[in-house]
C-alpha atoms as a PDB file:
ATOM      1  CA  ARG A   1      -9.242   6.157  25.959  1.00  0.00           C
ATOM      2  CA  ARG A   2      -8.109   8.162  22.939  1.00  0.00           C
ATOM      3  CA  PHE A   3      -5.751   6.586  20.436  1.00  0.00           C
ATOM      4  CA  ILE A   4      -3.646   8.786  18.154  1.00  0.00           C
ATOM      5  CA  ASN A   5      -1.843   7.245  15.185  1.00  0.00           C
ATOM      6  CA  ALA A   6       1.454   9.089  14.681  1.00  0.00           C
ATOM      7  CA  TYR A   7       3.575   8.776  11.548  1.00  0.00           C
ATOM      8  CA  GLY A   8       7.015  10.026  10.636  1.00  0.00           C
ATOM      9  CA  PRO A   9      10.525   8.889   9.730  1.00  0.00           C
ATOM     10  CA  THR A  10      13.610   9.724  11.779  1.00  0.00           C
ATOM     11  CA  GLU A  11      14.785  12.010   8.958  1.00  0.00           C
ATOM     12  CA  THR A  12      11.963  14.420   9.813  1.00  0.00           C
ATOM     13  CA  THR A  13      12.576  14.298  13.576  1.00  0.00           C
ATOM     14  CA  VAL A  14      10.315  11.291  14.087  1.00  0.00           C
ATOM     15  CA  CYS A  15       6.762  12.641  13.889  1.00  0.00           C
ATOM     16  CA  ALA A  16       5.358  14.400  10.825  1.00  0.00           C
ATOM     17  CA  SER A  17       1.623  13.704  11.057  1.00  0.00           C
ATOM     18  CA  MET A  18      -0.960  12.589  13.580  1.00  0.00           C
ATOM     19  CA  GLY A  19      -4.515  11.339  13.364  1.00  0.00           C
ATOM     20  CA  LEU A  20      -7.120  10.601  16.005  1.00  0.00           C
ATOM     21  CA  TYR A  21      -8.395   7.040  15.740  1.00  0.00           C
ATOM     22  CA  VAL A  22     -12.185   6.763  15.564  1.00  0.00           C
ATOM     23  CA  PRO A  23     -13.597   3.196  15.685  1.00  0.00           C
ATOM     24  CA  ALA A  24     -16.202   3.983  13.034  1.00  0.00           C
ATOM     25  CA  GLN A  25     -13.665   5.175  10.442  1.00  0.00           C
ATOM     26  CA  SER A  26     -13.268   2.991   7.368  1.00  0.00           C
ATOM     27  CA  VAL A  27      -9.534   3.666   6.886  1.00  0.00           C
ATOM     28  CA  LEU A  28      -6.779   3.692   9.501  1.00  0.00           C
ATOM     29  CA  HIS A  29      -5.048   6.846   8.249  1.00  0.00           C
ATOM     30  CA  ILE A  30      -1.880   8.617   9.378  1.00  0.00           C
ATOM     31  CA  GLY A  31      -3.674  11.901   9.953  1.00  0.00           C
ATOM     32  CA  LYS A  32      -2.739  15.439   8.958  1.00  0.00           C
ATOM     33  CA  PRO A  33       0.604  17.284   9.056  1.00  0.00           C
ATOM     34  CA  MET A  34       1.791  18.628  12.378  1.00  0.00           C
ATOM     35  CA  SER A  35       2.494  22.323  12.886  1.00  0.00           C
ATOM     36  CA  ASN A  36       5.514  23.625  10.932  1.00  0.00           C
ATOM     37  CA  THR A  37       5.451  20.487   8.762  1.00  0.00           C
ATOM     38  CA  GLN A  38       4.401  20.278   5.113  1.00  0.00           C
ATOM     39  CA  LEU A  39       3.273  17.052   3.441  1.00  0.00           C
ATOM     40  CA  TYR A  40       3.097  16.650  -0.331  1.00  0.00           C
ATOM     41  CA  VAL A  41       1.915  13.715  -2.429  1.00  0.00           C
ATOM     42  CA  ALA A  42       3.716  13.768  -5.778  1.00  0.00           C
ATOM     43  CA  ASN A  43       4.211  11.550  -8.816  1.00  0.00           C
ATOM     44  CA  ASP A  44       7.449  10.800 -10.676  1.00  0.00           C
ATOM     45  CA  TYR A  45       7.203  14.118 -12.540  1.00  0.00           C
ATOM     46  CA  ASP A  46       6.927  16.271  -9.397  1.00  0.00           C
ATOM     47  CA  GLN A  47       3.230  16.855 -10.056  1.00  0.00           C
ATOM     48  CA  LEU A  48       1.077  17.052  -6.936  1.00  0.00           C
ATOM     49  CA  GLN A  49      -1.493  14.275  -6.846  1.00  0.00           C
ATOM     50  CA  PRO A  50      -5.212  15.029  -6.410  1.00  0.00           C
ATOM     51  CA  ILE A  51      -7.409  13.450  -3.739  1.00  0.00           C
ATOM     52  CA  GLY A  52      -7.508   9.668  -4.000  1.00  0.00           C
ATOM     53  CA  VAL A  53      -4.525   9.267  -6.348  1.00  0.00           C
ATOM     54  CA  ALA A  54      -1.462   7.465  -4.981  1.00  0.00           C
ATOM     55  CA  GLY A  55       1.982   9.038  -4.975  1.00  0.00           C
ATOM     56  CA  GLU A  56       5.178   9.364  -2.967  1.00  0.00           C
ATOM     57  CA  LEU A  57       5.006  11.288   0.293  1.00  0.00           C
ATOM     58  CA  LEU A  58       7.411  14.235   0.447  1.00  0.00           C
ATOM     59  CA  ILE A  59       7.985  15.981   3.768  1.00  0.00           C
ATOM     60  CA  GLY A  60       9.227  19.520   4.327  1.00  0.00           C
ATOM     61  CA  GLY A  61       9.315  21.915   7.228  1.00  0.00           C
ATOM     62  CA  ALA A  62      11.148  22.783  10.421  1.00  0.00           C
ATOM     63  CA  GLY A  63      11.809  19.190  11.481  1.00  0.00           C
ATOM     64  CA  LEU A  64      13.754  18.237   8.370  1.00  0.00           C
ATOM     65  CA  ALA A  65      17.201  16.807   9.115  1.00  0.00           C
ATOM     66  CA  VAL A  66      20.371  18.250   7.579  1.00  0.00           C
ATOM     67  CA  GLY A  67      21.165  14.845   6.070  1.00  0.00           C
ATOM     68  CA  TYR A  68      22.844  11.538   6.866  1.00  0.00           C
ATOM     69  CA  LEU A  69      26.082  11.685   8.834  1.00  0.00           C
ATOM     70  CA  ASN A  70      29.086  10.918   6.590  1.00  0.00           C
ATOM     71  CA  GLN A  71      26.809   9.720   3.761  1.00  0.00           C
ATOM     72  CA  PRO A  72      26.737  12.596   1.248  1.00  0.00           C
ATOM     73  CA  GLU A  73      25.502  10.469  -1.673  1.00  0.00           C
ATOM     74  CA  LEU A  74      22.533   9.098   0.257  1.00  0.00           C
ATOM     75  CA  SER A  75      21.781  12.575   1.599  1.00  0.00           C
ATOM     76  CA  ALA A  76      21.761  13.996  -1.936  1.00  0.00           C
ATOM     77  CA  GLU A  77      19.397  11.212  -3.043  1.00  0.00           C
ATOM     78  CA  LYS A  78      16.847  11.576  -0.241  1.00  0.00           C
ATOM     79  CA  PHE A  79      17.023  15.254   0.761  1.00  0.00           C
ATOM     80  CA  VAL A  80      16.236  17.184  -2.405  1.00  0.00           C
ATOM     81  CA  TYR A  81      14.946  20.491  -3.688  1.00  0.00           C
ATOM     82  CA  LYS A  82      11.651  20.199  -5.588  1.00  0.00           C
ATOM     83  CA  ASP A  83       9.971  22.837  -7.732  1.00  0.00           C
ATOM     84  CA  LEU A  84       6.361  22.054  -6.843  1.00  0.00           C
ATOM     85  CA  PRO A  85       3.323  23.634  -8.557  1.00  0.00           C
ATOM     86  CA  ASP A  86       1.871  26.638  -6.670  1.00  0.00           C
ATOM     87  CA  ILE A  87       4.574  26.192  -4.017  1.00  0.00           C
ATOM     88  CA  GLY A  88       7.884  26.848  -5.734  1.00  0.00           C
ATOM     89  CA  VAL A  89      11.290  25.454  -4.879  1.00  0.00           C
ATOM     90  CA  THR A  90      11.352  23.811  -1.465  1.00  0.00           C
ATOM     91  CA  ARG A  91      13.594  21.315   0.309  1.00  0.00           C
ATOM     92  CA  VAL A  92      11.908  18.002   1.112  1.00  0.00           C
ATOM     93  CA  TYR A  93      12.668  14.473   2.240  1.00  0.00           C
ATOM     94  CA  LYS A  94      11.678  11.692  -0.161  1.00  0.00           C
ATOM     95  CA  THR A  95      10.129   9.129   2.173  1.00  0.00           C
ATOM     96  CA  GLY A  96       9.682   6.303  -0.331  1.00  0.00           C
ATOM     97  CA  ASP A  97       6.219   5.800   1.196  1.00  0.00           C
ATOM     98  CA  LEU A  98       3.181   5.409  -1.034  1.00  0.00           C
ATOM     99  CA  VAL A  99       0.195   7.435   0.200  1.00  0.00           C
ATOM    100  CA  ARG A 100      -2.901   9.285  -0.986  1.00  0.00           C
ATOM    101  CA  TRP A 101      -5.038  12.138   0.268  1.00  0.00           C
ATOM    102  CA  LEU A 102      -8.469  11.317   1.643  1.00  0.00           C
ATOM    103  CA  GLU A 103     -11.412  13.636   1.103  1.00  0.00           C
ATOM    104  CA  ASP A 104     -11.360  14.787   4.731  1.00  0.00           C
ATOM    105  CA  GLY A 105      -7.750  16.021   4.496  1.00  0.00           C
ATOM    106  CA  ASN A 106      -6.169  12.997   6.167  1.00  0.00           C
ATOM    107  CA  ILE A 107      -3.555  10.820   4.472  1.00  0.00           C
ATOM    108  CA  GLU A 108      -3.844   7.083   3.889  1.00  0.00           C
ATOM    109  CA  PHE A 109      -0.639   5.041   3.984  1.00  0.00           C
ATOM    110  CA  LEU A 110      -0.588   2.415   1.205  1.00  0.00           C
ATOM    111  CA  GLY A 111       2.872   0.883   1.421  1.00  0.00           C
ATOM    112  CA  ARG A 112       6.359   1.375   0.061  1.00  0.00           C
ATOM    113  CA  ILE A 113       7.333   2.722  -3.357  1.00  0.00           C
ATOM    114  CA  ASP A 114       9.864  -0.111  -3.638  1.00  0.00           C
ATOM    115  CA  HIS A 115       6.905  -2.517  -3.559  1.00  0.00           C
ATOM    116  CA  GLN A 116       5.710  -0.921  -6.795  1.00  0.00           C
ATOM    117  CA  ILE A 117       6.141  -3.277  -9.732  1.00  0.00           C
ATOM    118  CA  LYS A 118       5.508  -3.484 -13.448  1.00  0.00           C
ATOM    119  CA  ILE A 119       3.571  -6.500 -14.700  1.00  0.00           C
ATOM    120  CA  ARG A 120       2.528  -7.076 -18.315  1.00  0.00           C
ATOM    121  CA  GLY A 121       3.276  -3.430 -19.097  1.00  0.00           C
ATOM    122  CA  PHE A 122       1.188  -1.997 -16.246  1.00  0.00           C
ATOM    123  CA  ARG A 123       2.587  -0.253 -13.195  1.00  0.00           C
ATOM    124  CA  VAL A 124       1.029  -1.853 -10.145  1.00  0.00           C
ATOM    125  CA  GLU A 125       0.952  -0.503  -6.588  1.00  0.00           C
ATOM    126  CA  LEU A 126       0.994  -3.558  -4.336  1.00  0.00           C
ATOM    127  CA  GLY A 127       0.030  -1.459  -1.328  1.00  0.00           C
ATOM    128  CA  GLU A 128      -3.085  -0.237  -3.096  1.00  0.00           C
ATOM    129  CA  ILE A 129      -4.236  -3.827  -3.663  1.00  0.00           C
ATOM    130  CA  GLU A 130      -3.521  -4.686  -0.030  1.00  0.00           C
ATOM    131  CA  SER A 131      -5.491  -1.646   1.106  1.00  0.00           C
ATOM    132  CA  CYS A 132      -8.451  -2.707  -1.030  1.00  0.00           C
ATOM    133  CA  LEU A 133      -8.380  -6.232   0.428  1.00  0.00           C
ATOM    134  CA  LEU A 134      -8.288  -4.859   3.971  1.00  0.00           C
ATOM    135  CA  GLN A 135     -11.498  -2.953   3.292  1.00  0.00           C
ATOM    136  CA  HIS A 136     -13.366  -6.253   2.978  1.00  0.00           C
ATOM    137  CA  PRO A 137     -15.016  -7.153   6.313  1.00  0.00           C
ATOM    138  CA  THR A 138     -13.642 -10.737   6.328  1.00  0.00           C
ATOM    139  CA  VAL A 139      -9.970  -9.745   5.947  1.00  0.00           C
ATOM    140  CA  ALA A 140      -7.726  -9.134   8.953  1.00  0.00           C
ATOM    141  CA  GLU A 141      -4.344  -9.002   7.179  1.00  0.00           C
ATOM    142  CA  ALA A 142      -3.309  -8.915   3.531  1.00  0.00           C
ATOM    143  CA  VAL A 143      -0.004  -9.081   1.650  1.00  0.00           C
ATOM    144  CA  VAL A 144       0.396  -8.979  -2.131  1.00  0.00           C
ATOM    145  CA  ILE A 145       3.550  -9.925  -4.050  1.00  0.00           C
ATOM    146  CA  ALA A 146       4.577 -10.499  -7.648  1.00  0.00           C
ATOM    147  CA  HIS A 147       5.248 -14.213  -8.068  1.00  0.00           C
ATOM    148  CA  GLY A 148       7.429 -15.624 -10.812  1.00  0.00           C
ATOM    149  CA  THR A 149      10.842 -14.896 -12.286  1.00  0.00           C
ATOM    150  CA  ASP A 150       9.976 -14.142 -15.922  1.00  0.00           C
ATOM    151  CA  ILE A 151       8.473 -10.686 -16.424  1.00  0.00           C
ATOM    152  CA  GLN A 152       6.071 -12.113 -19.025  1.00  0.00           C
ATOM    153  CA  TYR A 153       4.739 -14.772 -16.671  1.00  0.00           C
ATOM    154  CA  LYS A 154       4.656 -12.956 -13.355  1.00  0.00           C
ATOM    155  CA  ILE A 155       1.357 -13.038 -11.519  1.00  0.00           C
ATOM    156  CA  LEU A 156       0.046 -11.097  -8.564  1.00  0.00           C
ATOM    157  CA  ALA A 157      -0.319 -13.353  -5.538  1.00  0.00           C
ATOM    158  CA  ALA A 158      -2.355 -12.303  -2.497  1.00  0.00           C
ATOM    159  CA  TYR A 159      -2.046 -13.830   0.973  1.00  0.00           C
ATOM    160  CA  ILE A 160      -4.957 -13.373   3.351  1.00  0.00           C
ATOM    161  CA  VAL A 161      -5.473 -13.835   7.086  1.00  0.00           C
ATOM    162  CA  LYS A 162      -9.199 -13.983   7.764  1.00  0.00           C
ATOM    163  CA  LYS A 163     -10.925 -12.370  10.708  1.00  0.00           C
ATOM    164  CA  THR A 164     -11.864 -14.932  13.308  1.00  0.00           C
ATOM    165  CA  ASP A 165     -14.372 -12.939  15.330  1.00  0.00           C
ATOM    166  CA  GLY A 166     -16.693 -10.002  15.107  1.00  0.00           C
ATOM    167  CA  TYR A 167     -17.914 -10.894  11.623  1.00  0.00           C
ATOM    168  CA  THR A 168     -19.997 -13.729  10.196  1.00  0.00           C
ATOM    169  CA  PRO A 169     -20.235 -13.674   6.396  1.00  0.00           C
ATOM    170  CA  GLU A 170     -23.694 -14.022   4.896  1.00  0.00           C
ATOM    171  CA  PRO A 171     -24.102 -16.459   3.317  1.00  0.00           C
ATOM    172  CA  GLU A 172     -21.369 -18.566   4.895  1.00  0.00           C
ATOM    173  CA  PRO A 173     -18.869 -19.550   2.155  1.00  0.00           C
ATOM    174  CA  LYS A 174     -18.976 -23.294   1.575  1.00  0.00           C
ATOM    175  CA  ASN A 175     -15.363 -23.756   0.531  1.00  0.00           C
ATOM    176  CA  ILE A 176     -12.133 -21.974  -0.274  1.00  0.00           C
ATOM    177  CA  SER A 177     -13.077 -21.435  -3.916  1.00  0.00           C
ATOM    178  CA  GLU A 178     -16.254 -19.604  -2.907  1.00  0.00           C
ATOM    179  CA  GLN A 179     -14.356 -17.468  -0.400  1.00  0.00           C
ATOM    180  CA  ILE A 180     -11.850 -16.573  -3.102  1.00  0.00           C
ATOM    181  CA  ALA A 181     -14.660 -15.702  -5.525  1.00  0.00           C
ATOM    182  CA  ILE A 182     -16.122 -13.287  -2.971  1.00  0.00           C
ATOM    183  CA  LEU A 183     -12.780 -11.502  -2.578  1.00  0.00           C
ATOM    184  CA  VAL A 184     -12.158 -11.439  -6.330  1.00  0.00           C
ATOM    185  CA  ALA A 185     -15.574  -9.836  -6.870  1.00  0.00           C
ATOM    186  CA  HIS A 186     -14.724  -7.213  -4.236  1.00  0.00           C
ATOM    187  CA  LEU A 187     -11.410  -6.447  -5.957  1.00  0.00           C
ATOM    188  CA  GLN A 188     -12.947  -6.302  -9.431  1.00  0.00           C
ATOM    189  CA  ALA A 189     -15.490  -3.785  -8.194  1.00  0.00           C
ATOM    190  CA  ASN A 190     -12.792  -1.449  -6.867  1.00  0.00           C
ATOM    191  CA  LEU A 191      -9.654  -1.984  -8.976  1.00  0.00           C
ATOM    192  CA  PRO A 192      -8.780  -2.252 -12.668  1.00  0.00           C
ATOM    193  CA  ASP A 193      -8.593  -5.841 -13.909  1.00  0.00           C
ATOM    194  CA  TYR A 194      -4.793  -5.904 -14.201  1.00  0.00           C
ATOM    195  CA  MET A 195      -4.532  -5.204 -10.454  1.00  0.00           C
ATOM    196  CA  VAL A 196      -6.695  -8.173  -9.435  1.00  0.00           C
ATOM    197  CA  PRO A 197      -4.399 -10.967  -8.128  1.00  0.00           C
ATOM    198  CA  GLY A 198      -4.313 -14.186 -10.100  1.00  0.00           C
ATOM    199  CA  SER A 199      -3.867 -16.131  -6.874  1.00  0.00           C
ATOM    200  CA  ILE A 200      -5.338 -15.805  -3.374  1.00  0.00           C
ATOM    201  CA  THR A 201      -3.970 -17.950  -0.556  1.00  0.00           C
ATOM    202  CA  PHE A 202      -5.368 -18.110   2.991  1.00  0.00           C
ATOM    203  CA  LEU A 203      -2.831 -18.305   5.832  1.00  0.00           C
ATOM    204  CA  PRO A 204      -3.225 -18.641   9.616  1.00  0.00           C
ATOM    205  CA  GLY A 205      -0.768 -15.757   9.981  1.00  0.00           C
ATOM    206  CA  ILE A 206       1.604 -13.580   7.950  1.00  0.00           C
ATOM    207  CA  PRO A 207       5.299 -14.540   8.439  1.00  0.00           C
ATOM    208  CA  LEU A 208       7.347 -11.788  10.054  1.00  0.00           C
ATOM    209  CA  THR A 209      11.043 -10.963  10.284  1.00  0.00           C
ATOM    210  CA  PRO A 210      12.700 -10.703  13.731  1.00  0.00           C
ATOM    211  CA  ASN A 211      12.029  -6.929  13.728  1.00  0.00           C
ATOM    212  CA  GLY A 212       8.311  -7.430  13.080  1.00  0.00           C
ATOM    213  CA  LYS A 213       8.097  -6.604   9.379  1.00  0.00           C
ATOM    214  CA  VAL A 214       6.455  -8.821   6.750  1.00  0.00           C
ATOM    215  CA  ASP A 215       8.855 -11.544   5.612  1.00  0.00           C
ATOM    216  CA  ARG A 216       7.864 -11.737   1.946  1.00  0.00           C
ATOM    217  CA  LYS A 217      10.531 -14.327   1.187  1.00  0.00           C
ATOM    218  CA  ALA A 218       8.927 -16.715   3.694  1.00  0.00           C
ATOM    219  CA  LEU A 219       5.526 -16.666   1.977  1.00  0.00           C
ATOM    220  CA  PRO A 220       4.625 -20.029   0.401  1.00  0.00           C
ATOM    221  CA  ASP A 221       4.283 -20.509  -3.350  1.00  0.00           C
ATOM    222  CA  PRO A 222       0.725 -19.725  -4.436  1.00  0.00           C
ATOM    223  CA  ASP A 223      -1.612 -22.461  -5.624  1.00  0.00           C
ATOM    224  CA  ILE A 224      -2.546 -20.994  -8.982  1.00  0.00           C
ATOM    225  CA  SER A 225      -4.889 -23.833  -9.937  1.00  0.00           C
ATOM    226  CA  ILE A 226      -7.436 -23.063  -7.214  1.00  0.00           C
ATOM    227  CA  THR A 227      -7.728 -19.379  -8.073  1.00  0.00           C
ATOM    228  CA  LYS A 228      -8.395 -19.610 -11.796  1.00  0.00           C
ATOM    229  CA  ARG A 229     -10.968 -16.863 -12.344  1.00  0.00           C
ATOM    230  CA  GLN A 230     -12.167 -17.498 -15.867  1.00  0.00           C
ATOM    231  CA  GLU A 231     -12.128 -20.063 -18.642  1.00  0.00           C
ATOM    232  CA  TYR A 232      -9.149 -19.842 -20.961  1.00  0.00           C
ATOM    233  CA  ILE A 233     -10.103 -18.984 -24.555  1.00  0.00           C
ATOM    234  CA  GLU A 234      -7.552 -19.791 -27.233  1.00  0.00           C
ATOM    235  CA  PRO A 235      -6.713 -17.209 -29.921  1.00  0.00           C
ATOM    236  CA  GLN A 236      -9.000 -17.627 -32.952  1.00  0.00           C
ATOM    237  CA  THR A 237      -6.632 -16.197 -35.588  1.00  0.00           C
END
């Protein structure tokens, strides 16, 4: 059988990109743009992002909708004209999806822009952390949230569902702390330090809403004590 992963919001007449699934591929991507469809990855300043750098997916082309029925304000917010480098002024739909180009011309879906947060002065892409966790061979599902109410004391909390078959870690982790250390080392090798979660919690399954999306509000409070990564050093002066 051949499996094709199709992506696209209703506002672009459902499908905008397609990608053939190959079991050996390391990333489950959303493919390349369909005919008569243009995909752009841009930052907040309408600059097109290079390969590997995350940005918002903008969609243009023949399938673009006129707008939302009887919702002129929402239409003006989402269907916009952008003056893009080397392209010029073009009408696009702002998807709100966080993506990045892969080296082979396919696009990797990372999550939603509204899951982008600012913590201790750094802008953090939660979807990028989740994507990094999913690249570890022991991880089946991953969700990352910002935990805490005070902006100064917010921490990144990761929730992991481990794979139960097809992989046996070597050496076998002896306890939860060792399993966490393995994942932390993986994250530190691939992400800047401020994007490494301060808490990792293992769950039997990720809670879902009735329509099948991740129910972030139903995630338990993280156990910060078990995921302390380094000894606290008091200020000397």
